[in-house]
Amino acid sequence: MSVDVALPDIVVPVRLEAINSQLRYALRSWVANLPHRRVWIAGYRPSWLTGVHHLPVPQNGTKYRNTTMAVRMACEHPDVSDEFLLCNDDFFVMEPVDRMPVLHRGPVREVLEHYTRRGHNGRYVHGMRATLDLLTGLGFEEPLSYELHVPLPVTKSGMLHALDVGAGLDVLHKRTAYGVLHQLGGDRIDDVKVLTRNGFPKDSGFLSTMPDTFAAGAVGRHIRAAFPRPCRYERRGR
């Protein structure tokens, strides 16, 4: 099969998990709907995968440090495309796109208020606040949040710059740092992460799940029904 070298690669950090059914169906959705050249698994490579490239990133830090190391390794690898799509293993592309658009979640201040109003004050929120302070200190008065559960187009040099700028933060919101520092703009959407077993936006072109909502929720059944057949990245019989 010929591969269009003009297409971006997909880079997906993967934690230590042998089965990872979400990754299996995410790959099926990308093959069906997200044009790409190659897939790079950065981190743990489940044994059922085939036809992917592997960046063996140690999984011995926090999830934030592990994913930052994975992204940095991808950006420094000469064979990864200069522009790639940064994904998670639970991003599902439900409708065909010609090219992945740039999407954001609105101002970081509004997203931060959304979390704090609901009583969230963990490491993720502390990292959001620290990233906001970093960016406003650099002169970006109203930075946008790119912390959506959808693929993000990034350039290797641009992401390395963002990681270097935010290297002093314990939890850097690297998608946001990249998007703001490089003034990506884009279109605003609500986040597509489905947190409950019952309701989900059936007409959304993008979805993301929690382990529970994928395994036992209506959204998981919807995704599995949409992509019932194995794709080229799945080893036969596994």
C-alpha atoms as a PDB file:
ATOM      1  CA  MET A   1       0.000   0.000   0.000  1.00  0.00           C
ATOM      2  CA  SER A   2       1.419   3.397  -0.960  1.00  0.00           C
ATOM      3  CA  VAL A   3       1.667   6.059   1.730  1.00  0.00           C
ATOM      4  CA  ASP A   4       1.304   9.784   1.065  1.00  0.00           C
ATOM      5  CA  VAL A   5       4.497  11.287   2.509  1.00  0.00           C
ATOM      6  CA  ALA A   6       2.765  14.684   2.708  1.00  0.00           C
ATOM      7  CA  LEU A   7       0.412  13.383   5.377  1.00  0.00           C
ATOM      8  CA  PRO A   8       1.265  13.909   9.050  1.00  0.00           C
ATOM      9  CA  ASP A   9       2.238  11.091  11.366  1.00  0.00           C
ATOM     10  CA  ILE A  10       0.211  10.363  14.487  1.00  0.00           C
ATOM     11  CA  VAL A  11       2.061  10.350  17.812  1.00  0.00           C
ATOM     12  CA  VAL A  12       0.252   8.797  20.762  1.00  0.00           C
ATOM     13  CA  PRO A  13       1.715   8.457  24.276  1.00  0.00           C
ATOM     14  CA  VAL A  14       0.637   5.108  25.741  1.00  0.00           C
ATOM     15  CA  ARG A  15       0.758   4.101  29.393  1.00  0.00           C
ATOM     16  CA  LEU A  16       1.530   0.623  30.673  1.00  0.00           C
ATOM     17  CA  GLU A  17      -1.603  -1.432  29.940  1.00  0.00           C
ATOM     18  CA  ALA A  18      -1.496  -4.768  28.163  1.00  0.00           C
ATOM     19  CA  ILE A  19      -4.972  -4.815  26.610  1.00  0.00           C
ATOM     20  CA  ASN A  20      -5.947  -1.156  26.100  1.00  0.00           C
ATOM     21  CA  SER A  21      -9.214  -1.595  24.199  1.00  0.00           C
ATOM     22  CA  GLN A  22      -9.601   2.167  23.872  1.00  0.00           C
ATOM     23  CA  LEU A  23      -6.384   2.332  21.831  1.00  0.00           C
ATOM     24  CA  ARG A  24      -7.623  -0.506  19.603  1.00  0.00           C
ATOM     25  CA  TYR A  25     -10.794   1.392  18.682  1.00  0.00           C
ATOM     26  CA  ALA A  26      -9.022   4.739  18.474  1.00  0.00           C
ATOM     27  CA  LEU A  27      -6.722   3.226  15.837  1.00  0.00           C
ATOM     28  CA  ARG A  28      -9.725   1.878  13.933  1.00  0.00           C
ATOM     29  CA  SER A  29     -11.267   5.346  13.935  1.00  0.00           C
ATOM     30  CA  TRP A  30      -8.040   6.958  12.726  1.00  0.00           C
ATOM     31  CA  VAL A  31      -7.662   4.462   9.886  1.00  0.00           C
ATOM     32  CA  ALA A  32     -11.251   5.109   8.850  1.00  0.00           C
ATOM     33  CA  ASN A  33     -11.446   8.868   9.285  1.00  0.00           C
ATOM     34  CA  LEU A  34      -8.135  10.632  10.020  1.00  0.00           C
ATOM     35  CA  PRO A  35      -5.666  10.832   7.111  1.00  0.00           C
ATOM     36  CA  HIS A  36      -2.151  10.067   8.311  1.00  0.00           C
ATOM     37  CA  ARG A  37       1.148   8.577   7.220  1.00  0.00           C
ATOM     38  CA  ARG A  38       2.365   6.468  10.152  1.00  0.00           C
ATOM     39  CA  VAL A  39       1.515   5.853  13.803  1.00  0.00           C
ATOM     40  CA  TRP A  40       4.147   6.233  16.525  1.00  0.00           C
ATOM     41  CA  ILE A  41       3.471   4.614  19.892  1.00  0.00           C
ATOM     42  CA  ALA A  42       5.446   6.548  22.518  1.00  0.00           C
ATOM     43  CA  GLY A  43       5.666   4.571  25.733  1.00  0.00           C
ATOM     44  CA  TYR A  44       4.265   1.076  26.204  1.00  0.00           C
ATOM     45  CA  ARG A  45       3.599  -0.994  23.076  1.00  0.00           C
ATOM     46  CA  PRO A  46       0.832  -3.615  23.557  1.00  0.00           C
ATOM     47  CA  SER A  47       1.688  -6.980  21.991  1.00  0.00           C
ATOM     48  CA  TRP A  48      -1.351  -6.992  19.695  1.00  0.00           C
ATOM     49  CA  LEU A  49      -0.097  -4.004  17.717  1.00  0.00           C
ATOM     50  CA  THR A  50       1.517  -4.377  14.303  1.00  0.00           C
ATOM     51  CA  GLY A  51       2.659  -1.960  11.627  1.00  0.00           C
ATOM     52  CA  VAL A  52       3.305   0.880  14.068  1.00  0.00           C
ATOM     53  CA  HIS A  53       6.560   2.569  15.013  1.00  0.00           C
ATOM     54  CA  HIS A  54       7.643   2.503  18.644  1.00  0.00           C
ATOM     55  CA  LEU A  55       9.382   5.053  20.836  1.00  0.00           C
ATOM     56  CA  PRO A  56      10.225   3.133  24.062  1.00  0.00           C
ATOM     57  CA  VAL A  57       9.656   5.841  26.665  1.00  0.00           C
ATOM     58  CA  PRO A  58      10.160   4.631  30.280  1.00  0.00           C
ATOM     59  CA  GLN A  59       6.914   4.755  32.278  1.00  0.00           C
ATOM     60  CA  ASN A  60       8.494   5.455  35.647  1.00  0.00           C
ATOM     61  CA  GLY A  61       7.385   9.032  36.345  1.00  0.00           C
ATOM     62  CA  THR A  62       4.067  10.760  36.856  1.00  0.00           C
ATOM     63  CA  LYS A  63       1.672  10.591  33.927  1.00  0.00           C
ATOM     64  CA  TYR A  64       2.460  14.236  33.192  1.00  0.00           C
ATOM     65  CA  ARG A  65       6.210  13.687  33.085  1.00  0.00           C
ATOM     66  CA  ASN A  66       5.799  10.474  31.096  1.00  0.00           C
ATOM     67  CA  THR A  67       3.709  12.166  28.393  1.00  0.00           C
ATOM     68  CA  THR A  68       6.020  15.188  28.249  1.00  0.00           C
ATOM     69  CA  MET A  69       8.999  12.865  27.784  1.00  0.00           C
ATOM     70  CA  ALA A  70       7.087  10.977  25.089  1.00  0.00           C
ATOM     71  CA  VAL A  71       6.267  14.153  23.176  1.00  0.00           C
ATOM     72  CA  ARG A  72       9.837  15.425  23.466  1.00  0.00           C
ATOM     73  CA  MET A  73      11.220  12.113  22.198  1.00  0.00           C
ATOM     74  CA  ALA A  74       8.870  12.228  19.207  1.00  0.00           C
ATOM     75  CA  CYS A  75       9.900  15.804  18.412  1.00  0.00           C
ATOM     76  CA  GLU A  76      13.586  14.852  18.560  1.00  0.00           C
ATOM     77  CA  HIS A  77      13.239  11.734  16.401  1.00  0.00           C
ATOM     78  CA  PRO A  78      14.402  12.383  12.801  1.00  0.00           C
ATOM     79  CA  ASP A  79      11.877   9.991  11.252  1.00  0.00           C
ATOM     80  CA  VAL A  80       8.733  11.509  12.781  1.00  0.00           C
ATOM     81  CA  SER A  81       7.093  13.915  10.317  1.00  0.00           C
ATOM     82  CA  ASP A  82       7.875  17.595  10.903  1.00  0.00           C
ATOM     83  CA  GLU A  83       4.186  18.195  11.531  1.00  0.00           C
ATOM     84  CA  PHE A  84       2.362  15.462  13.391  1.00  0.00           C
ATOM     85  CA  LEU A  85      -0.977  14.896  15.085  1.00  0.00           C
ATOM     86  CA  LEU A  86      -0.666  14.636  18.860  1.00  0.00           C
ATOM     87  CA  CYS A  87      -3.277  12.170  20.109  1.00  0.00           C
ATOM     88  CA  ASN A  88      -4.172  10.257  23.242  1.00  0.00           C
ATOM     89  CA  ASP A  89      -5.119   6.600  23.185  1.00  0.00           C
ATOM     90  CA  ASP A  90      -8.758   7.465  23.897  1.00  0.00           C
ATOM     91  CA  PHE A  91      -9.382   9.931  21.044  1.00  0.00           C
ATOM     92  CA  PHE A  92     -11.998   8.707  18.572  1.00  0.00           C
ATOM     93  CA  VAL A  93     -12.560  10.419  15.216  1.00  0.00           C
ATOM     94  CA  MET A  94     -16.139   9.570  14.345  1.00  0.00           C
ATOM     95  CA  GLU A  95     -16.473  11.296  10.962  1.00  0.00           C
ATOM     96  CA  PRO A  96     -14.050  11.674   8.036  1.00  0.00           C
ATOM     97  CA  VAL A  97     -11.877  14.793   7.957  1.00  0.00           C
ATOM     98  CA  ASP A  98      -9.713  15.854   5.020  1.00  0.00           C
ATOM     99  CA  ARG A  99      -7.232  17.459   7.395  1.00  0.00           C
ATOM    100  CA  MET A 100      -7.423  17.795  11.149  1.00  0.00           C
ATOM    101  CA  PRO A 101      -8.611  21.305  12.085  1.00  0.00           C
ATOM    102  CA  VAL A 102      -7.133  23.306  14.950  1.00  0.00           C
ATOM    103  CA  LEU A 103      -9.621  23.359  17.814  1.00  0.00           C
ATOM    104  CA  HIS A 104      -9.528  25.087  21.198  1.00  0.00           C
ATOM    105  CA  ARG A 105     -11.635  25.222  24.355  1.00  0.00           C
ATOM    106  CA  GLY A 106     -11.844  28.984  24.849  1.00  0.00           C
ATOM    107  CA  PRO A 107      -9.881  31.164  27.283  1.00  0.00           C
ATOM    108  CA  VAL A 108      -7.840  29.326  29.895  1.00  0.00           C
ATOM    109  CA  ARG A 109      -9.344  31.575  32.570  1.00  0.00           C
ATOM    110  CA  GLU A 110     -12.828  30.303  31.740  1.00  0.00           C
ATOM    111  CA  VAL A 111     -11.713  26.680  31.761  1.00  0.00           C
ATOM    112  CA  LEU A 112      -9.948  27.213  35.092  1.00  0.00           C
ATOM    113  CA  GLU A 113     -13.078  28.784  36.565  1.00  0.00           C
ATOM    114  CA  HIS A 114     -15.112  25.808  35.302  1.00  0.00           C
ATOM    115  CA  TYR A 115     -12.885  23.410  37.252  1.00  0.00           C
ATOM    116  CA  THR A 116     -12.519  25.449  40.426  1.00  0.00           C
ATOM    117  CA  ARG A 117     -16.254  26.155  40.607  1.00  0.00           C
ATOM    118  CA  ARG A 118     -16.757  22.399  40.826  1.00  0.00           C
ATOM    119  CA  GLY A 119     -14.223  22.023  43.605  1.00  0.00           C
ATOM    120  CA  HIS A 120     -11.383  20.554  41.525  1.00  0.00           C
ATOM    121  CA  ASN A 121      -7.977  21.549  42.855  1.00  0.00           C
ATOM    122  CA  GLY A 122      -5.620  18.679  41.995  1.00  0.00           C
ATOM    123  CA  ARG A 123      -2.364  18.601  40.072  1.00  0.00           C
ATOM    124  CA  TYR A 124      -4.098  19.085  36.729  1.00  0.00           C
ATOM    125  CA  VAL A 125      -5.741  22.323  37.902  1.00  0.00           C
ATOM    126  CA  HIS A 126      -2.523  23.518  39.550  1.00  0.00           C
ATOM    127  CA  GLY A 127      -0.776  22.901  36.233  1.00  0.00           C
ATOM    128  CA  MET A 128      -3.451  24.833  34.378  1.00  0.00           C
ATOM    129  CA  ARG A 129      -3.020  27.795  36.717  1.00  0.00           C
ATOM    130  CA  ALA A 130       0.778  27.646  36.451  1.00  0.00           C
ATOM    131  CA  THR A 131       0.613  27.458  32.654  1.00  0.00           C
ATOM    132  CA  LEU A 132      -1.760  30.447  32.617  1.00  0.00           C
ATOM    133  CA  ASP A 133       0.620  32.438  34.824  1.00  0.00           C
ATOM    134  CA  LEU A 134       3.541  31.500  32.591  1.00  0.00           C
ATOM    135  CA  LEU A 135       1.776  32.623  29.423  1.00  0.00           C
ATOM    136  CA  THR A 136       0.376  35.850  30.833  1.00  0.00           C
ATOM    137  CA  GLY A 137       3.843  36.628  32.154  1.00  0.00           C
ATOM    138  CA  LEU A 138       5.103  36.324  28.575  1.00  0.00           C
ATOM    139  CA  GLY A 139       2.576  38.904  27.399  1.00  0.00           C
ATOM    140  CA  PHE A 140      -0.361  36.748  26.289  1.00  0.00           C
ATOM    141  CA  GLU A 141      -3.185  38.521  28.104  1.00  0.00           C
ATOM    142  CA  GLU A 142      -6.005  36.096  27.302  1.00  0.00           C
ATOM    143  CA  PRO A 143      -4.460  32.772  26.278  1.00  0.00           C
ATOM    144  CA  LEU A 144      -6.659  30.048  24.820  1.00  0.00           C
ATOM    145  CA  SER A 145      -6.843  26.503  26.162  1.00  0.00           C
ATOM    146  CA  TYR A 146      -5.988  23.678  23.758  1.00  0.00           C
ATOM    147  CA  GLU A 147      -6.569  20.979  26.394  1.00  0.00           C
ATOM    148  CA  LEU A 148      -9.243  19.241  24.351  1.00  0.00           C
ATOM    149  CA  HIS A 149      -9.582  15.494  23.887  1.00  0.00           C
ATOM    150  CA  VAL A 150      -9.110  15.730  20.129  1.00  0.00           C
ATOM    151  CA  PRO A 151      -6.015  15.407  17.902  1.00  0.00           C
ATOM    152  CA  LEU A 152      -3.842  18.537  17.777  1.00  0.00           C
ATOM    153  CA  PRO A 153      -1.621  19.343  14.770  1.00  0.00           C
ATOM    154  CA  VAL A 154       1.833  20.377  16.023  1.00  0.00           C
ATOM    155  CA  THR A 155       5.245  21.006  14.524  1.00  0.00           C
ATOM    156  CA  LYS A 156       8.296  19.382  16.066  1.00  0.00           C
ATOM    157  CA  SER A 157      10.294  22.595  16.395  1.00  0.00           C
ATOM    158  CA  GLY A 158       7.317  24.498  17.779  1.00  0.00           C
ATOM    159  CA  MET A 159       6.495  21.886  20.410  1.00  0.00           C
ATOM    160  CA  LEU A 160      10.134  21.619  21.482  1.00  0.00           C
ATOM    161  CA  HIS A 161      10.114  25.383  21.985  1.00  0.00           C
ATOM    162  CA  ALA A 162       6.960  25.150  24.099  1.00  0.00           C
ATOM    163  CA  LEU A 163       8.424  22.338  26.206  1.00  0.00           C
ATOM    164  CA  ASP A 164      11.588  24.349  26.779  1.00  0.00           C
ATOM    165  CA  VAL A 165       9.638  27.467  27.766  1.00  0.00           C
ATOM    166  CA  GLY A 166       7.570  25.461  30.231  1.00  0.00           C
ATOM    167  CA  ALA A 167      10.350  23.208  31.503  1.00  0.00           C
ATOM    168  CA  GLY A 168      10.231  24.751  34.958  1.00  0.00           C
ATOM    169  CA  LEU A 169       6.632  23.716  35.582  1.00  0.00           C
ATOM    170  CA  ASP A 170       5.842  20.477  37.373  1.00  0.00           C
ATOM    171  CA  VAL A 171       2.672  20.005  35.287  1.00  0.00           C
ATOM    172  CA  LEU A 172       2.879  21.889  32.006  1.00  0.00           C
ATOM    173  CA  HIS A 173      -0.263  22.033  29.892  1.00  0.00           C
ATOM    174  CA  LYS A 174       1.820  21.480  26.805  1.00  0.00           C
ATOM    175  CA  ARG A 175      -0.945  21.601  24.211  1.00  0.00           C
ATOM    176  CA  THR A 176      -1.984  25.000  25.537  1.00  0.00           C
ATOM    177  CA  ALA A 177       1.597  26.258  25.756  1.00  0.00           C
ATOM    178  CA  TYR A 178       2.198  25.191  22.161  1.00  0.00           C
ATOM    179  CA  GLY A 179      -1.051  26.657  20.830  1.00  0.00           C
ATOM    180  CA  VAL A 180      -0.608  30.001  22.567  1.00  0.00           C
ATOM    181  CA  LEU A 181       3.108  30.488  21.914  1.00  0.00           C
ATOM    182  CA  HIS A 182       2.540  29.809  18.225  1.00  0.00           C
ATOM    183  CA  GLN A 183      -0.766  31.708  18.062  1.00  0.00           C
ATOM    184  CA  LEU A 184      -2.641  28.858  16.441  1.00  0.00           C
ATOM    185  CA  GLY A 185      -6.091  30.366  16.784  1.00  0.00           C
ATOM    186  CA  GLY A 186      -8.608  27.808  15.552  1.00  0.00           C
ATOM    187  CA  ASP A 187     -12.269  27.093  16.221  1.00  0.00           C
ATOM    188  CA  ARG A 188     -13.838  26.825  19.660  1.00  0.00           C
ATOM    189  CA  ILE A 189     -15.660  23.676  20.732  1.00  0.00           C
ATOM    190  CA  ASP A 190     -16.746  22.123  24.011  1.00  0.00           C
ATOM    191  CA  ASP A 191     -14.592  19.270  25.232  1.00  0.00           C
ATOM    192  CA  VAL A 192     -15.757  15.875  23.958  1.00  0.00           C
ATOM    193  CA  LYS A 193     -14.709  13.766  26.958  1.00  0.00           C
ATOM    194  CA  VAL A 194     -17.665  11.618  28.072  1.00  0.00           C
ATOM    195  CA  LEU A 195     -17.702  11.238  31.847  1.00  0.00           C
ATOM    196  CA  THR A 196     -21.021   9.437  32.419  1.00  0.00           C
ATOM    197  CA  ARG A 197     -22.359   6.087  31.275  1.00  0.00           C
ATOM    198  CA  ASN A 198     -25.597   7.365  29.764  1.00  0.00           C
ATOM    199  CA  GLY A 199     -25.527  10.667  27.901  1.00  0.00           C
ATOM    200  CA  PHE A 200     -23.170  11.636  25.107  1.00  0.00           C
ATOM    201  CA  PRO A 201     -23.370  13.828  21.960  1.00  0.00           C
ATOM    202  CA  LYS A 202     -24.274  11.298  19.260  1.00  0.00           C
ATOM    203  CA  ASP A 203     -23.675  13.798  16.445  1.00  0.00           C
ATOM    204  CA  SER A 204     -20.160  14.763  17.554  1.00  0.00           C
ATOM    205  CA  GLY A 205     -17.374  14.251  15.029  1.00  0.00           C
ATOM    206  CA  PHE A 206     -14.967  13.556  17.904  1.00  0.00           C
ATOM    207  CA  LEU A 207     -15.393  11.589  21.130  1.00  0.00           C
ATOM    208  CA  SER A 208     -13.227  10.600  24.067  1.00  0.00           C
ATOM    209  CA  THR A 209     -13.968   8.266  26.956  1.00  0.00           C
ATOM    210  CA  MET A 210     -13.010   7.292  30.449  1.00  0.00           C
ATOM    211  CA  PRO A 211     -12.144   3.602  30.956  1.00  0.00           C
ATOM    212  CA  ASP A 212     -15.521   3.096  32.643  1.00  0.00           C
ATOM    213  CA  THR A 213     -17.594   4.941  30.046  1.00  0.00           C
ATOM    214  CA  PHE A 214     -15.866   3.035  27.258  1.00  0.00           C
ATOM    215  CA  ALA A 215     -16.296  -0.374  28.902  1.00  0.00           C
ATOM    216  CA  ALA A 216     -19.783   0.015  30.366  1.00  0.00           C
ATOM    217  CA  GLY A 217     -21.343   3.166  28.934  1.00  0.00           C
ATOM    218  CA  ALA A 218     -23.556   4.008  25.992  1.00  0.00           C
ATOM    219  CA  VAL A 219     -20.700   5.913  24.361  1.00  0.00           C
ATOM    220  CA  GLY A 220     -18.502   2.803  24.412  1.00  0.00           C
ATOM    221  CA  ARG A 221     -21.206   0.737  22.746  1.00  0.00           C
ATOM    222  CA  HIS A 222     -21.624   3.479  20.147  1.00  0.00           C
ATOM    223  CA  ILE A 223     -17.899   3.537  19.338  1.00  0.00           C
ATOM    224  CA  ARG A 224     -17.572  -0.242  19.172  1.00  0.00           C
ATOM    225  CA  ALA A 225     -20.576  -0.442  16.840  1.00  0.00           C
ATOM    226  CA  ALA A 226     -19.100   2.244  14.592  1.00  0.00           C
ATOM    227  CA  PHE A 227     -15.787   0.389  14.133  1.00  0.00           C
ATOM    228  CA  PRO A 228     -16.481  -3.357  14.376  1.00  0.00           C
ATOM    229  CA  ARG A 229     -13.697  -4.575  12.075  1.00  0.00           C
ATOM    230  CA  PRO A 230      -9.990  -4.838  12.927  1.00  0.00           C
ATOM    231  CA  CYS A 231      -7.698  -2.352  11.213  1.00  0.00           C
ATOM    232  CA  ARG A 232      -4.226  -2.733   9.723  1.00  0.00           C
ATOM    233  CA  TYR A 233      -2.567  -1.993  13.074  1.00  0.00           C
ATOM    234  CA  GLU A 234      -4.033  -5.053  14.806  1.00  0.00           C
ATOM    235  CA  ARG A 235      -2.208  -8.345  14.763  1.00  0.00           C
ATOM    236  CA  ARG A 236      -4.426 -11.176  13.521  1.00  0.00           C
ATOM    237  CA  GLY A 237      -5.730 -13.427  16.232  1.00  0.00           C
ATOM    238  CA  ARG A 238      -4.923 -10.887  18.986  1.00  0.00           C
END
